[in-house]
Amino acid sequence: MSKWVQGLPTNFDKEKDHIVLVEVFQVNCPGCFLYGIPEAINIYNKYHSEGVTVLGIATAFEDFDKNTLENLELLLKSGEVIGETKKGLSQYGKLNDSKLSYKIPFPVAMDSLIKETGESSESRIKNYIYNQIPDFDSHPEDYRNQIFQRVKGYLKSKEYSAETFEKYSLQGTPSTIVVDRKGILRDVSFGQTGGLEPMIQSLLNE
């Protein structure tokens, strides 16, 4: 983590004997504030006295000008939202004076963003392609060149890579990471699943 903006610094090792739920969101992500964070707050309110630790991590894999530490600090201090989040939540009547109608009660950190430097090496581009298209070499040359240039452009546009996002191979935000009392990773899920509370309940019963 690059910085704990709210609450005391912590990590999975310090939370042994607790079930840990990490809510990964972007400041510029309406779905995070409509579904992901309210669901995490619900878990926090119901289970934090029963041994469930809830942590928030603000990450960035796009809109690097909006998903910033400054905007996260603004959000946590004043409840003020920005960009797409502001647009999306006001459409649903979920804002009071362009501010969130709820407070995030658990600790929140900003993900470490590592600035990508220079051109992507050919091997990095190829690794990325082979992960997505294992039989890449069997395709016609035109197709291969096209894909190569596209991936090269994509990797170049990714100004930063986010540590937590890359480490857990997250698909987007909101995402949740669940670790059991022994510190074992039990689930990583993306989007609105509705299966979070039953999972927490069954881990509490283990």
N, C-alpha and C. Protein backbone atom coordinates (compact mmCIF):
# COMPACT_ATOMS: atom_id res chain seq x y z
N MET A 1 0.85 -1.19 0.00
CA MET A 1 0.00 0.00 0.00
C MET A 1 0.88 1.23 0.00
N SER A 2 0.43 2.26 -0.69
CA SER A 2 1.27 3.45 -0.68
C SER A 2 0.93 4.32 0.52
N LYS A 3 -0.34 4.34 0.97
CA LYS A 3 -0.68 5.20 2.10
C LYS A 3 -2.02 4.80 2.70
N TRP A 4 -2.05 4.70 4.03
CA TRP A 4 -3.34 4.51 4.72
C TRP A 4 -3.92 5.89 4.95
N VAL A 5 -5.06 6.13 4.34
CA VAL A 5 -5.67 7.46 4.38
C VAL A 5 -6.62 7.55 5.57
N GLN A 6 -7.19 6.42 5.95
CA GLN A 6 -8.15 6.40 7.06
C GLN A 6 -7.89 5.14 7.88
N GLY A 7 -7.85 5.27 9.20
CA GLY A 7 -7.63 4.11 10.06
C GLY A 7 -6.16 3.79 10.20
N LEU A 8 -5.85 2.80 11.01
CA LEU A 8 -4.46 2.46 11.30
C LEU A 8 -3.90 1.53 10.23
N PRO A 9 -2.61 1.70 9.87
CA PRO A 9 -2.00 0.79 8.90
C PRO A 9 -2.09 -0.65 9.37
N THR A 10 -2.37 -1.55 8.44
CA THR A 10 -2.48 -2.97 8.81
C THR A 10 -2.14 -3.80 7.59
N ASN A 11 -2.08 -5.11 7.76
CA ASN A 11 -1.95 -6.04 6.64
C ASN A 11 -2.49 -7.39 7.08
N PHE A 12 -2.48 -8.36 6.17
CA PHE A 12 -3.09 -9.65 6.49
C PHE A 12 -2.42 -10.32 7.70
N ASP A 13 -1.09 -10.16 7.83
CA ASP A 13 -0.37 -10.83 8.92
C ASP A 13 -0.83 -10.32 10.29
N LYS A 14 -1.15 -9.03 10.35
CA LYS A 14 -1.58 -8.45 11.63
C LYS A 14 -3.01 -8.85 11.98
N GLU A 15 -3.73 -9.38 11.00
CA GLU A 15 -5.15 -9.68 11.21
C GLU A 15 -5.41 -11.17 11.42
N LYS A 16 -4.38 -11.94 11.78
CA LYS A 16 -4.57 -13.38 12.05
C LYS A 16 -5.69 -13.54 13.07
N ASP A 17 -6.41 -14.66 12.98
CA ASP A 17 -7.59 -14.93 13.82
C ASP A 17 -8.80 -14.10 13.43
N HIS A 18 -8.65 -13.25 12.44
CA HIS A 18 -9.80 -12.53 11.90
C HIS A 18 -10.04 -12.99 10.47
N ILE A 19 -11.30 -12.95 10.05
CA ILE A 19 -11.60 -13.09 8.63
C ILE A 19 -11.41 -11.69 8.05
N VAL A 20 -10.72 -11.58 6.93
CA VAL A 20 -10.47 -10.26 6.35
C VAL A 20 -11.17 -10.13 5.00
N LEU A 21 -11.96 -9.08 4.87
CA LEU A 21 -12.60 -8.75 3.60
C LEU A 21 -11.96 -7.46 3.10
N VAL A 22 -11.39 -7.50 1.91
CA VAL A 22 -10.82 -6.29 1.32
C VAL A 22 -11.71 -5.87 0.15
N GLU A 23 -12.22 -4.66 0.24
CA GLU A 23 -13.07 -4.09 -0.82
C GLU A 23 -12.16 -3.22 -1.69
N VAL A 24 -11.98 -3.62 -2.95
CA VAL A 24 -11.11 -2.87 -3.86
C VAL A 24 -12.00 -2.03 -4.78
N PHE A 25 -11.75 -0.72 -4.79
CA PHE A 25 -12.61 0.17 -5.57
C PHE A 25 -11.76 1.25 -6.23
N GLN A 26 -12.38 1.97 -7.15
CA GLN A 26 -11.75 3.17 -7.72
C GLN A 26 -12.63 4.36 -7.35
N VAL A 27 -12.01 5.49 -7.11
CA VAL A 27 -12.77 6.68 -6.75
C VAL A 27 -13.71 7.06 -7.90
N ASN A 28 -13.26 6.84 -9.14
CA ASN A 28 -14.06 7.17 -10.32
C ASN A 28 -14.76 5.91 -10.83
N CYS A 29 -15.70 5.38 -10.04
CA CYS A 29 -16.36 4.11 -10.39
C CYS A 29 -17.74 4.08 -9.73
N PRO A 30 -18.80 4.47 -10.47
CA PRO A 30 -20.14 4.54 -9.88
C PRO A 30 -20.58 3.22 -9.24
N GLY A 31 -20.31 2.10 -9.92
CA GLY A 31 -20.73 0.79 -9.40
C GLY A 31 -20.14 0.47 -8.04
N CYS A 32 -18.92 0.99 -7.80
CA CYS A 32 -18.27 0.76 -6.51
C CYS A 32 -19.08 1.38 -5.38
N PHE A 33 -19.65 2.57 -5.66
CA PHE A 33 -20.37 3.30 -4.62
C PHE A 33 -21.84 2.93 -4.56
N LEU A 34 -22.35 2.34 -5.65
CA LEU A 34 -23.75 1.88 -5.64
C LEU A 34 -23.86 0.50 -5.00
N TYR A 35 -22.86 -0.37 -5.26
CA TYR A 35 -22.98 -1.76 -4.80
C TYR A 35 -21.84 -2.20 -3.87
N GLY A 36 -20.60 -2.07 -4.37
CA GLY A 36 -19.46 -2.65 -3.67
C GLY A 36 -19.27 -2.14 -2.26
N ILE A 37 -19.15 -0.82 -2.12
CA ILE A 37 -18.87 -0.24 -0.81
C ILE A 37 -20.06 -0.41 0.15
N PRO A 38 -21.31 -0.15 -0.28
CA PRO A 38 -22.44 -0.40 0.63
C PRO A 38 -22.49 -1.86 1.13
N GLU A 39 -22.15 -2.81 0.24
CA GLU A 39 -22.14 -4.22 0.65
C GLU A 39 -21.05 -4.45 1.72
N ALA A 40 -19.88 -3.85 1.51
CA ALA A 40 -18.79 -3.99 2.48
C ALA A 40 -19.15 -3.33 3.81
N ILE A 41 -19.84 -2.18 3.77
CA ILE A 41 -20.27 -1.50 5.00
C ILE A 41 -21.28 -2.37 5.75
N ASN A 42 -22.18 -3.00 5.01
CA ASN A 42 -23.16 -3.91 5.61
C ASN A 42 -22.45 -5.04 6.37
N ILE A 43 -21.44 -5.65 5.72
CA ILE A 43 -20.67 -6.73 6.37
C ILE A 43 -19.96 -6.18 7.62
N TYR A 44 -19.37 -5.00 7.48
CA TYR A 44 -18.67 -4.37 8.60
C TYR A 44 -19.62 -4.16 9.78
N ASN A 45 -20.78 -3.55 9.50
CA ASN A 45 -21.73 -3.25 10.58
C ASN A 45 -22.23 -4.51 11.27
N LYS A 46 -22.45 -5.58 10.50
CA LYS A 46 -23.02 -6.80 11.09
C LYS A 46 -21.99 -7.67 11.79
N TYR A 47 -20.75 -7.70 11.25
CA TYR A 47 -19.83 -8.75 11.70
C TYR A 47 -18.51 -8.26 12.30
N HIS A 48 -18.28 -6.93 12.36
CA HIS A 48 -16.94 -6.52 12.83
C HIS A 48 -16.72 -6.86 14.30
N SER A 49 -17.82 -7.01 15.06
CA SER A 49 -17.63 -7.40 16.47
C SER A 49 -17.52 -8.92 16.62
N GLU A 50 -17.69 -9.64 15.50
CA GLU A 50 -17.61 -11.12 15.55
C GLU A 50 -16.31 -11.64 14.95
N GLY A 51 -15.36 -10.74 14.68
CA GLY A 51 -14.07 -11.21 14.18
C GLY A 51 -13.89 -11.08 12.69
N VAL A 52 -14.63 -10.14 12.06
CA VAL A 52 -14.43 -9.88 10.63
C VAL A 52 -13.82 -8.49 10.50
N THR A 53 -12.67 -8.41 9.85
CA THR A 53 -12.02 -7.12 9.58
C THR A 53 -12.34 -6.72 8.15
N VAL A 54 -12.81 -5.51 7.96
CA VAL A 54 -13.08 -5.00 6.60
C VAL A 54 -12.09 -3.87 6.31
N LEU A 55 -11.44 -3.96 5.15
CA LEU A 55 -10.49 -2.94 4.72
C LEU A 55 -10.86 -2.47 3.32
N GLY A 56 -10.60 -1.22 3.04
CA GLY A 56 -10.83 -0.70 1.69
C GLY A 56 -9.51 -0.36 1.02
N ILE A 57 -9.41 -0.67 -0.27
CA ILE A 57 -8.24 -0.26 -1.03
C ILE A 57 -8.72 0.46 -2.29
N ALA A 58 -8.31 1.72 -2.41
CA ALA A 58 -8.61 2.47 -3.64
C ALA A 58 -7.46 2.22 -4.61
N THR A 59 -7.82 1.75 -5.80
CA THR A 59 -6.79 1.43 -6.80
C THR A 59 -7.00 2.29 -8.03
N ALA A 60 -6.20 2.07 -9.06
CA ALA A 60 -6.37 2.78 -10.33
C ALA A 60 -5.82 1.91 -11.44
N PHE A 61 -6.68 1.56 -12.41
CA PHE A 61 -6.17 0.87 -13.61
C PHE A 61 -6.60 1.63 -14.86
N GLU A 62 -7.19 2.80 -14.64
CA GLU A 62 -7.62 3.67 -15.75
C GLU A 62 -7.89 5.05 -15.13
N ASP A 63 -8.19 6.05 -15.95
CA ASP A 63 -8.51 7.39 -15.42
C ASP A 63 -7.54 7.82 -14.32
N PHE A 64 -6.25 7.74 -14.64
CA PHE A 64 -5.24 8.01 -13.61
C PHE A 64 -5.30 9.45 -13.11
N ASP A 65 -5.93 10.33 -13.90
CA ASP A 65 -6.06 11.73 -13.45
C ASP A 65 -7.16 11.88 -12.40
N LYS A 66 -8.09 10.91 -12.34
CA LYS A 66 -9.20 11.01 -11.38
C LYS A 66 -9.04 10.07 -10.19
N ASN A 67 -8.47 8.89 -10.45
CA ASN A 67 -8.31 7.91 -9.37
C ASN A 67 -7.02 8.20 -8.60
N THR A 68 -7.02 9.33 -7.90
CA THR A 68 -5.79 9.81 -7.25
C THR A 68 -5.92 9.79 -5.74
N LEU A 69 -4.79 9.88 -5.09
CA LEU A 69 -4.75 9.97 -3.63
C LEU A 69 -5.51 11.21 -3.15
N GLU A 70 -5.35 12.33 -3.86
CA GLU A 70 -6.03 13.57 -3.46
C GLU A 70 -7.55 13.39 -3.48
N ASN A 71 -8.07 12.74 -4.54
CA ASN A 71 -9.52 12.55 -4.62
C ASN A 71 -10.02 11.55 -3.58
N LEU A 72 -9.17 10.58 -3.23
CA LEU A 72 -9.53 9.64 -2.16
C LEU A 72 -9.60 10.37 -0.82
N GLU A 73 -8.61 11.23 -0.57
CA GLU A 73 -8.60 12.00 0.69
C GLU A 73 -9.82 12.91 0.79
N LEU A 74 -10.16 13.53 -0.34
CA LEU A 74 -11.35 14.39 -0.40
C LEU A 74 -12.60 13.59 -0.05
N LEU A 75 -12.72 12.41 -0.66
CA LEU A 75 -13.87 11.54 -0.43
C LEU A 75 -13.99 11.17 1.04
N LEU A 76 -12.88 10.75 1.66
CA LEU A 76 -12.94 10.26 3.04
C LEU A 76 -13.12 11.40 4.04
N LYS A 77 -12.59 12.57 3.72
CA LYS A 77 -12.73 13.70 4.66
C LYS A 77 -14.10 14.35 4.57
N SER A 78 -14.60 14.53 3.33
CA SER A 78 -15.81 15.34 3.18
C SER A 78 -16.97 14.59 2.54
N GLY A 79 -16.70 13.36 2.03
CA GLY A 79 -17.76 12.61 1.35
C GLY A 79 -17.98 13.06 -0.08
N GLU A 80 -17.11 13.97 -0.57
CA GLU A 80 -17.30 14.52 -1.91
C GLU A 80 -16.83 13.52 -2.98
N VAL A 81 -17.64 13.34 -4.01
CA VAL A 81 -17.29 12.42 -5.09
C VAL A 81 -17.04 13.20 -6.38
N ILE A 82 -16.40 12.53 -7.34
CA ILE A 82 -15.96 13.22 -8.56
C ILE A 82 -16.38 12.44 -9.80
N GLY A 83 -16.19 13.07 -10.96
CA GLY A 83 -16.27 12.38 -12.26
C GLY A 83 -17.50 11.53 -12.47
N GLU A 84 -17.26 10.31 -12.97
CA GLU A 84 -18.34 9.37 -13.30
C GLU A 84 -19.15 8.98 -12.06
N THR A 85 -18.47 8.91 -10.94
CA THR A 85 -19.16 8.54 -9.69
C THR A 85 -20.22 9.58 -9.36
N LYS A 86 -19.82 10.84 -9.46
CA LYS A 86 -20.74 11.95 -9.17
C LYS A 86 -21.93 11.90 -10.14
N LYS A 87 -21.61 11.69 -11.43
CA LYS A 87 -22.65 11.65 -12.46
C LYS A 87 -23.61 10.49 -12.19
N GLY A 88 -23.02 9.30 -11.97
CA GLY A 88 -23.84 8.09 -11.76
C GLY A 88 -24.70 8.16 -10.52
N LEU A 89 -24.14 8.61 -9.41
CA LEU A 89 -24.88 8.63 -8.16
C LEU A 89 -25.96 9.71 -8.16
N SER A 90 -25.69 10.84 -8.84
CA SER A 90 -26.73 11.88 -8.86
C SER A 90 -27.92 11.44 -9.73
N GLN A 91 -27.64 10.64 -10.77
CA GLN A 91 -28.75 10.08 -11.58
C GLN A 91 -29.68 9.23 -10.73
N TYR A 92 -29.10 8.52 -9.76
CA TYR A 92 -29.91 7.63 -8.91
C TYR A 92 -30.39 8.34 -7.63
N GLY A 93 -30.15 9.65 -7.56
CA GLY A 93 -30.58 10.41 -6.38
C GLY A 93 -29.89 9.97 -5.10
N LYS A 94 -28.63 9.56 -5.23
CA LYS A 94 -27.91 9.01 -4.07
C LYS A 94 -26.95 10.01 -3.43
N LEU A 95 -27.02 11.28 -3.82
CA LEU A 95 -26.09 12.26 -3.26
C LEU A 95 -26.82 13.34 -2.48
N ASN A 96 -26.17 13.85 -1.43
CA ASN A 96 -26.65 15.05 -0.74
C ASN A 96 -25.64 16.15 -1.04
N ASP A 97 -26.03 17.17 -1.79
CA ASP A 97 -25.11 18.26 -2.16
C ASP A 97 -23.81 17.73 -2.74
N SER A 98 -23.91 16.86 -3.72
CA SER A 98 -22.78 16.20 -4.39
C SER A 98 -21.85 15.46 -3.42
N LYS A 99 -22.41 15.06 -2.26
CA LYS A 99 -21.64 14.26 -1.30
C LYS A 99 -22.34 12.93 -1.05
N LEU A 100 -21.55 11.93 -0.68
CA LEU A 100 -22.10 10.61 -0.37
C LEU A 100 -23.07 10.71 0.79
N SER A 101 -24.11 9.87 0.75
CA SER A 101 -25.08 9.89 1.84
C SER A 101 -24.62 9.00 3.00
N TYR A 102 -23.45 8.35 2.86
CA TYR A 102 -22.95 7.49 3.94
C TYR A 102 -21.46 7.73 4.15
N LYS A 103 -20.98 7.33 5.32
CA LYS A 103 -19.54 7.41 5.61
C LYS A 103 -18.94 6.02 5.51
N ILE A 104 -17.70 5.92 5.05
CA ILE A 104 -17.02 4.63 5.02
C ILE A 104 -16.40 4.42 6.41
N PRO A 105 -16.86 3.41 7.17
CA PRO A 105 -16.43 3.29 8.57
C PRO A 105 -15.12 2.53 8.78
N PHE A 106 -14.61 1.86 7.75
CA PHE A 106 -13.44 0.99 7.95
C PHE A 106 -12.17 1.65 7.40
N PRO A 107 -10.97 1.11 7.76
CA PRO A 107 -9.71 1.68 7.26
C PRO A 107 -9.63 1.59 5.74
N VAL A 108 -9.06 2.62 5.12
CA VAL A 108 -8.92 2.67 3.66
C VAL A 108 -7.50 3.10 3.29
N ALA A 109 -6.91 2.38 2.32
CA ALA A 109 -5.57 2.71 1.85
C ALA A 109 -5.61 3.00 0.36
N MET A 110 -4.59 3.69 -0.11
CA MET A 110 -4.42 3.89 -1.56
C MET A 110 -3.44 2.83 -2.03
N ASP A 111 -3.78 2.15 -3.11
CA ASP A 111 -2.92 1.14 -3.70
C ASP A 111 -1.61 1.78 -4.16
N SER A 112 -0.53 1.01 -4.12
CA SER A 112 0.74 1.50 -4.66
C SER A 112 0.68 1.52 -6.18
N LEU A 113 0.92 2.68 -6.76
CA LEU A 113 0.93 2.78 -8.21
C LEU A 113 2.38 2.93 -8.67
N ILE A 114 2.80 2.02 -9.53
CA ILE A 114 4.18 2.06 -10.01
C ILE A 114 4.17 2.61 -11.43
N LYS A 115 4.88 3.70 -11.64
CA LYS A 115 4.89 4.33 -12.97
C LYS A 115 5.63 3.43 -13.93
N GLU A 116 5.00 3.13 -15.05
CA GLU A 116 5.65 2.32 -16.08
C GLU A 116 6.64 3.21 -16.82
N THR A 117 7.84 2.70 -17.04
CA THR A 117 8.83 3.56 -17.69
C THR A 117 9.13 3.06 -19.09
N GLY A 118 9.28 4.01 -19.98
CA GLY A 118 9.77 3.72 -21.34
C GLY A 118 8.88 2.78 -22.13
N GLU A 119 9.44 2.27 -23.22
CA GLU A 119 8.74 1.38 -24.12
C GLU A 119 8.58 0.01 -23.48
N SER A 120 7.49 -0.67 -23.80
CA SER A 120 7.35 -2.04 -23.33
C SER A 120 8.28 -2.92 -24.14
N SER A 121 9.00 -3.78 -23.45
CA SER A 121 9.92 -4.67 -24.16
C SER A 121 9.11 -5.68 -24.98
N GLU A 122 9.75 -6.18 -26.02
CA GLU A 122 9.08 -7.16 -26.89
C GLU A 122 8.63 -8.38 -26.08
N SER A 123 9.47 -8.80 -25.14
CA SER A 123 9.12 -10.01 -24.37
C SER A 123 7.91 -9.75 -23.47
N ARG A 124 7.80 -8.52 -22.93
CA ARG A 124 6.64 -8.21 -22.09
C ARG A 124 5.36 -8.21 -22.93
N ILE A 125 5.46 -7.66 -24.14
CA ILE A 125 4.29 -7.63 -25.04
C ILE A 125 3.88 -9.06 -25.38
N LYS A 126 4.89 -9.89 -25.72
CA LYS A 126 4.58 -11.28 -26.10
C LYS A 126 4.00 -12.07 -24.92
N ASN A 127 4.55 -11.86 -23.73
CA ASN A 127 4.00 -12.55 -22.55
C ASN A 127 2.54 -12.23 -22.36
N TYR A 128 2.23 -10.95 -22.51
CA TYR A 128 0.85 -10.50 -22.35
C TYR A 128 -0.04 -11.18 -23.38
N ILE A 129 0.44 -11.21 -24.64
CA ILE A 129 -0.36 -11.82 -25.73
C ILE A 129 -0.57 -13.31 -25.48
N TYR A 130 0.52 -14.04 -25.12
CA TYR A 130 0.39 -15.49 -24.92
C TYR A 130 -0.54 -15.84 -23.77
N ASN A 131 -0.62 -14.96 -22.77
CA ASN A 131 -1.56 -15.20 -21.67
C ASN A 131 -3.00 -15.14 -22.16
N GLN A 132 -3.25 -14.23 -23.11
CA GLN A 132 -4.62 -14.04 -23.63
C GLN A 132 -4.92 -15.00 -24.80
N ILE A 133 -3.92 -15.21 -25.67
CA ILE A 133 -4.11 -16.02 -26.89
C ILE A 133 -3.00 -17.08 -26.96
N PRO A 134 -3.19 -18.21 -26.27
CA PRO A 134 -2.12 -19.23 -26.20
C PRO A 134 -1.64 -19.72 -27.57
N ASP A 135 -2.55 -19.79 -28.58
CA ASP A 135 -2.14 -20.33 -29.90
C ASP A 135 -1.78 -19.19 -30.86
N PHE A 136 -1.29 -18.08 -30.31
CA PHE A 136 -0.99 -16.87 -31.08
C PHE A 136 -0.14 -17.16 -32.32
N ASP A 137 0.89 -18.03 -32.17
CA ASP A 137 1.83 -18.30 -33.27
C ASP A 137 1.18 -18.97 -34.47
N SER A 138 0.05 -19.63 -34.27
CA SER A 138 -0.57 -20.34 -35.38
C SER A 138 -1.46 -19.42 -36.23
N HIS A 139 -1.61 -18.16 -35.83
CA HIS A 139 -2.45 -17.22 -36.59
C HIS A 139 -1.66 -16.59 -37.74
N PRO A 140 -2.37 -16.08 -38.78
CA PRO A 140 -1.69 -15.45 -39.92
C PRO A 140 -0.86 -14.24 -39.48
N GLU A 141 0.14 -13.93 -40.27
CA GLU A 141 1.09 -12.87 -39.91
C GLU A 141 0.40 -11.51 -39.75
N ASP A 142 -0.53 -11.20 -40.66
CA ASP A 142 -1.25 -9.92 -40.57
C ASP A 142 -1.93 -9.76 -39.22
N TYR A 143 -2.61 -10.83 -38.83
CA TYR A 143 -3.33 -10.84 -37.55
C TYR A 143 -2.35 -10.64 -36.39
N ARG A 144 -1.22 -11.36 -36.45
CA ARG A 144 -0.22 -11.28 -35.37
C ARG A 144 0.33 -9.86 -35.24
N ASN A 145 0.63 -9.24 -36.39
CA ASN A 145 1.15 -7.87 -36.37
C ASN A 145 0.15 -6.89 -35.77
N GLN A 146 -1.10 -7.09 -36.18
CA GLN A 146 -2.17 -6.21 -35.70
C GLN A 146 -2.30 -6.30 -34.17
N ILE A 147 -2.35 -7.53 -33.67
CA ILE A 147 -2.49 -7.76 -32.22
C ILE A 147 -1.27 -7.19 -31.48
N PHE A 148 -0.09 -7.44 -32.05
CA PHE A 148 1.15 -6.97 -31.42
C PHE A 148 1.10 -5.44 -31.24
N GLN A 149 0.71 -4.73 -32.31
CA GLN A 149 0.66 -3.26 -32.25
C GLN A 149 -0.41 -2.79 -31.25
N ARG A 150 -1.53 -3.52 -31.23
CA ARG A 150 -2.62 -3.14 -30.32
C ARG A 150 -2.18 -3.29 -28.86
N VAL A 151 -1.53 -4.40 -28.57
CA VAL A 151 -1.08 -4.65 -27.19
C VAL A 151 0.02 -3.67 -26.81
N LYS A 152 0.90 -3.39 -27.77
CA LYS A 152 1.97 -2.42 -27.52
C LYS A 152 1.35 -1.06 -27.14
N GLY A 153 0.33 -0.66 -27.88
CA GLY A 153 -0.37 0.59 -27.59
C GLY A 153 -1.06 0.57 -26.24
N TYR A 154 -1.67 -0.59 -25.92
CA TYR A 154 -2.38 -0.72 -24.65
C TYR A 154 -1.40 -0.60 -23.48
N LEU A 155 -0.28 -1.32 -23.57
CA LEU A 155 0.69 -1.29 -22.48
C LEU A 155 1.31 0.10 -22.34
N LYS A 156 1.45 0.78 -23.46
CA LYS A 156 1.99 2.14 -23.41
C LYS A 156 0.99 3.08 -22.73
N SER A 157 -0.31 2.84 -22.96
CA SER A 157 -1.33 3.73 -22.38
C SER A 157 -1.51 3.49 -20.88
N LYS A 158 -1.06 2.32 -20.43
CA LYS A 158 -1.16 2.04 -18.99
C LYS A 158 -0.01 2.77 -18.31
N GLU A 159 -0.27 3.99 -17.90
CA GLU A 159 0.81 4.79 -17.31
C GLU A 159 1.35 4.16 -16.04
N TYR A 160 0.46 3.53 -15.29
CA TYR A 160 0.84 2.97 -14.00
C TYR A 160 0.37 1.53 -13.91
N SER A 161 1.04 0.74 -13.08
CA SER A 161 0.43 -0.53 -12.73
C SER A 161 0.21 -0.51 -11.23
N ALA A 162 -0.95 -1.00 -10.81
CA ALA A 162 -1.35 -0.95 -9.41
C ALA A 162 -1.01 -2.27 -8.74
N GLU A 163 -0.31 -2.19 -7.62
CA GLU A 163 0.25 -3.38 -6.98
C GLU A 163 -0.79 -4.43 -6.62
N THR A 164 -1.83 -4.04 -5.87
CA THR A 164 -2.85 -5.01 -5.43
C THR A 164 -3.61 -5.56 -6.63
N PHE A 165 -3.93 -4.66 -7.56
CA PHE A 165 -4.68 -5.03 -8.74
C PHE A 165 -3.96 -6.11 -9.53
N GLU A 166 -2.62 -5.93 -9.70
CA GLU A 166 -1.81 -6.91 -10.47
C GLU A 166 -1.62 -8.19 -9.66
N LYS A 167 -1.33 -8.03 -8.37
CA LYS A 167 -0.99 -9.19 -7.52
C LYS A 167 -2.13 -10.21 -7.48
N TYR A 168 -3.37 -9.73 -7.39
CA TYR A 168 -4.52 -10.64 -7.30
C TYR A 168 -5.22 -10.83 -8.64
N SER A 169 -4.59 -10.35 -9.73
CA SER A 169 -5.17 -10.47 -11.09
C SER A 169 -6.64 -10.07 -11.11
N LEU A 170 -6.94 -8.93 -10.54
CA LEU A 170 -8.34 -8.48 -10.48
C LEU A 170 -8.82 -8.11 -11.88
N GLN A 171 -10.14 -8.29 -12.12
CA GLN A 171 -10.69 -8.03 -13.45
C GLN A 171 -11.25 -6.62 -13.58
N GLY A 172 -11.47 -5.96 -12.47
CA GLY A 172 -12.07 -4.62 -12.51
C GLY A 172 -12.48 -4.22 -11.11
N THR A 173 -13.27 -3.15 -11.03
CA THR A 173 -13.78 -2.75 -9.72
C THR A 173 -15.29 -2.57 -9.81
N PRO A 174 -16.03 -2.83 -8.72
CA PRO A 174 -15.54 -3.28 -7.42
C PRO A 174 -15.13 -4.75 -7.42
N SER A 175 -14.10 -5.06 -6.65
CA SER A 175 -13.69 -6.45 -6.43
C SER A 175 -13.54 -6.69 -4.93
N THR A 176 -13.72 -7.95 -4.52
CA THR A 176 -13.51 -8.28 -3.11
C THR A 176 -12.50 -9.41 -3.01
N ILE A 177 -11.68 -9.31 -1.95
CA ILE A 177 -10.70 -10.35 -1.64
C ILE A 177 -11.04 -10.83 -0.23
N VAL A 178 -11.19 -12.14 -0.06
CA VAL A 178 -11.54 -12.68 1.27
C VAL A 178 -10.46 -13.65 1.73
N VAL A 179 -9.99 -13.42 2.96
CA VAL A 179 -8.94 -14.25 3.56
C VAL A 179 -9.47 -14.81 4.87
N ASP A 180 -9.26 -16.12 5.11
CA ASP A 180 -9.82 -16.72 6.33
C ASP A 180 -8.94 -16.47 7.55
N ARG A 181 -9.37 -17.03 8.69
CA ARG A 181 -8.67 -16.77 9.97
C ARG A 181 -7.23 -17.23 9.97
N LYS A 182 -6.92 -18.22 9.11
CA LYS A 182 -5.54 -18.73 9.07
C LYS A 182 -4.68 -17.93 8.10
N GLY A 183 -5.28 -16.92 7.47
CA GLY A 183 -4.52 -16.10 6.52
C GLY A 183 -4.49 -16.70 5.13
N ILE A 184 -5.42 -17.64 4.87
CA ILE A 184 -5.47 -18.30 3.55
C ILE A 184 -6.48 -17.57 2.65
N LEU A 185 -6.05 -17.27 1.44
CA LEU A 185 -6.92 -16.61 0.47
C LEU A 185 -8.05 -17.56 0.08
N ARG A 186 -9.30 -17.12 0.30
CA ARG A 186 -10.43 -18.00 0.02
C ARG A 186 -11.26 -17.59 -1.18
N ASP A 187 -11.23 -16.30 -1.52
CA ASP A 187 -12.07 -15.89 -2.64
C ASP A 187 -11.62 -14.53 -3.19
N VAL A 188 -11.66 -14.42 -4.52
CA VAL A 188 -11.47 -13.13 -5.18
C VAL A 188 -12.62 -13.01 -6.17
N SER A 189 -13.44 -11.99 -6.01
CA SER A 189 -14.55 -11.88 -6.96
C SER A 189 -14.72 -10.45 -7.43
N PHE A 190 -15.31 -10.34 -8.61
CA PHE A 190 -15.47 -9.05 -9.28
C PHE A 190 -16.95 -8.76 -9.48
N GLY A 191 -17.35 -7.51 -9.24
CA GLY A 191 -18.72 -7.11 -9.53
C GLY A 191 -19.68 -7.45 -8.40
N GLN A 192 -20.94 -7.43 -8.74
CA GLN A 192 -21.99 -7.63 -7.76
C GLN A 192 -22.35 -9.10 -7.75
N THR A 193 -21.94 -9.81 -6.70
CA THR A 193 -22.18 -11.26 -6.71
C THR A 193 -23.32 -11.65 -5.78
N GLY A 194 -23.53 -10.87 -4.71
CA GLY A 194 -24.58 -11.23 -3.75
C GLY A 194 -24.20 -12.41 -2.88
N GLY A 195 -23.04 -13.04 -3.16
CA GLY A 195 -22.65 -14.23 -2.39
C GLY A 195 -21.72 -13.92 -1.23
N LEU A 196 -21.49 -12.64 -0.98
CA LEU A 196 -20.47 -12.27 0.00
C LEU A 196 -20.89 -12.61 1.43
N GLU A 197 -22.10 -12.22 1.80
CA GLU A 197 -22.52 -12.45 3.19
C GLU A 197 -22.61 -13.93 3.54
N PRO A 198 -23.23 -14.77 2.68
CA PRO A 198 -23.24 -16.21 3.00
C PRO A 198 -21.82 -16.77 3.15
N MET A 199 -20.87 -16.29 2.33
CA MET A 199 -19.49 -16.77 2.43
C MET A 199 -18.88 -16.39 3.78
N ILE A 200 -19.10 -15.14 4.20
CA ILE A 200 -18.58 -14.67 5.49
C ILE A 200 -19.18 -15.50 6.62
N GLN A 201 -20.49 -15.76 6.52
CA GLN A 201 -21.16 -16.56 7.57
C GLN A 201 -20.56 -17.97 7.64
N SER A 202 -20.31 -18.58 6.47
CA SER A 202 -19.77 -19.94 6.52
C SER A 202 -18.32 -19.95 7.02
N LEU A 203 -17.54 -18.92 6.73
CA LEU A 203 -16.18 -18.84 7.26
C LEU A 203 -16.20 -18.64 8.78
N LEU A 204 -17.19 -17.88 9.28
CA LEU A 204 -17.32 -17.68 10.74
C LEU A 204 -17.65 -18.98 11.44
N ASN A 205 -18.34 -19.87 10.71
CA ASN A 205 -18.74 -21.16 11.33
C ASN A 205 -17.66 -22.23 11.25
N GLU A 206 -16.57 -21.93 10.56
CA GLU A 206 -15.52 -22.96 10.40
C GLU A 206 -14.79 -23.21 11.72
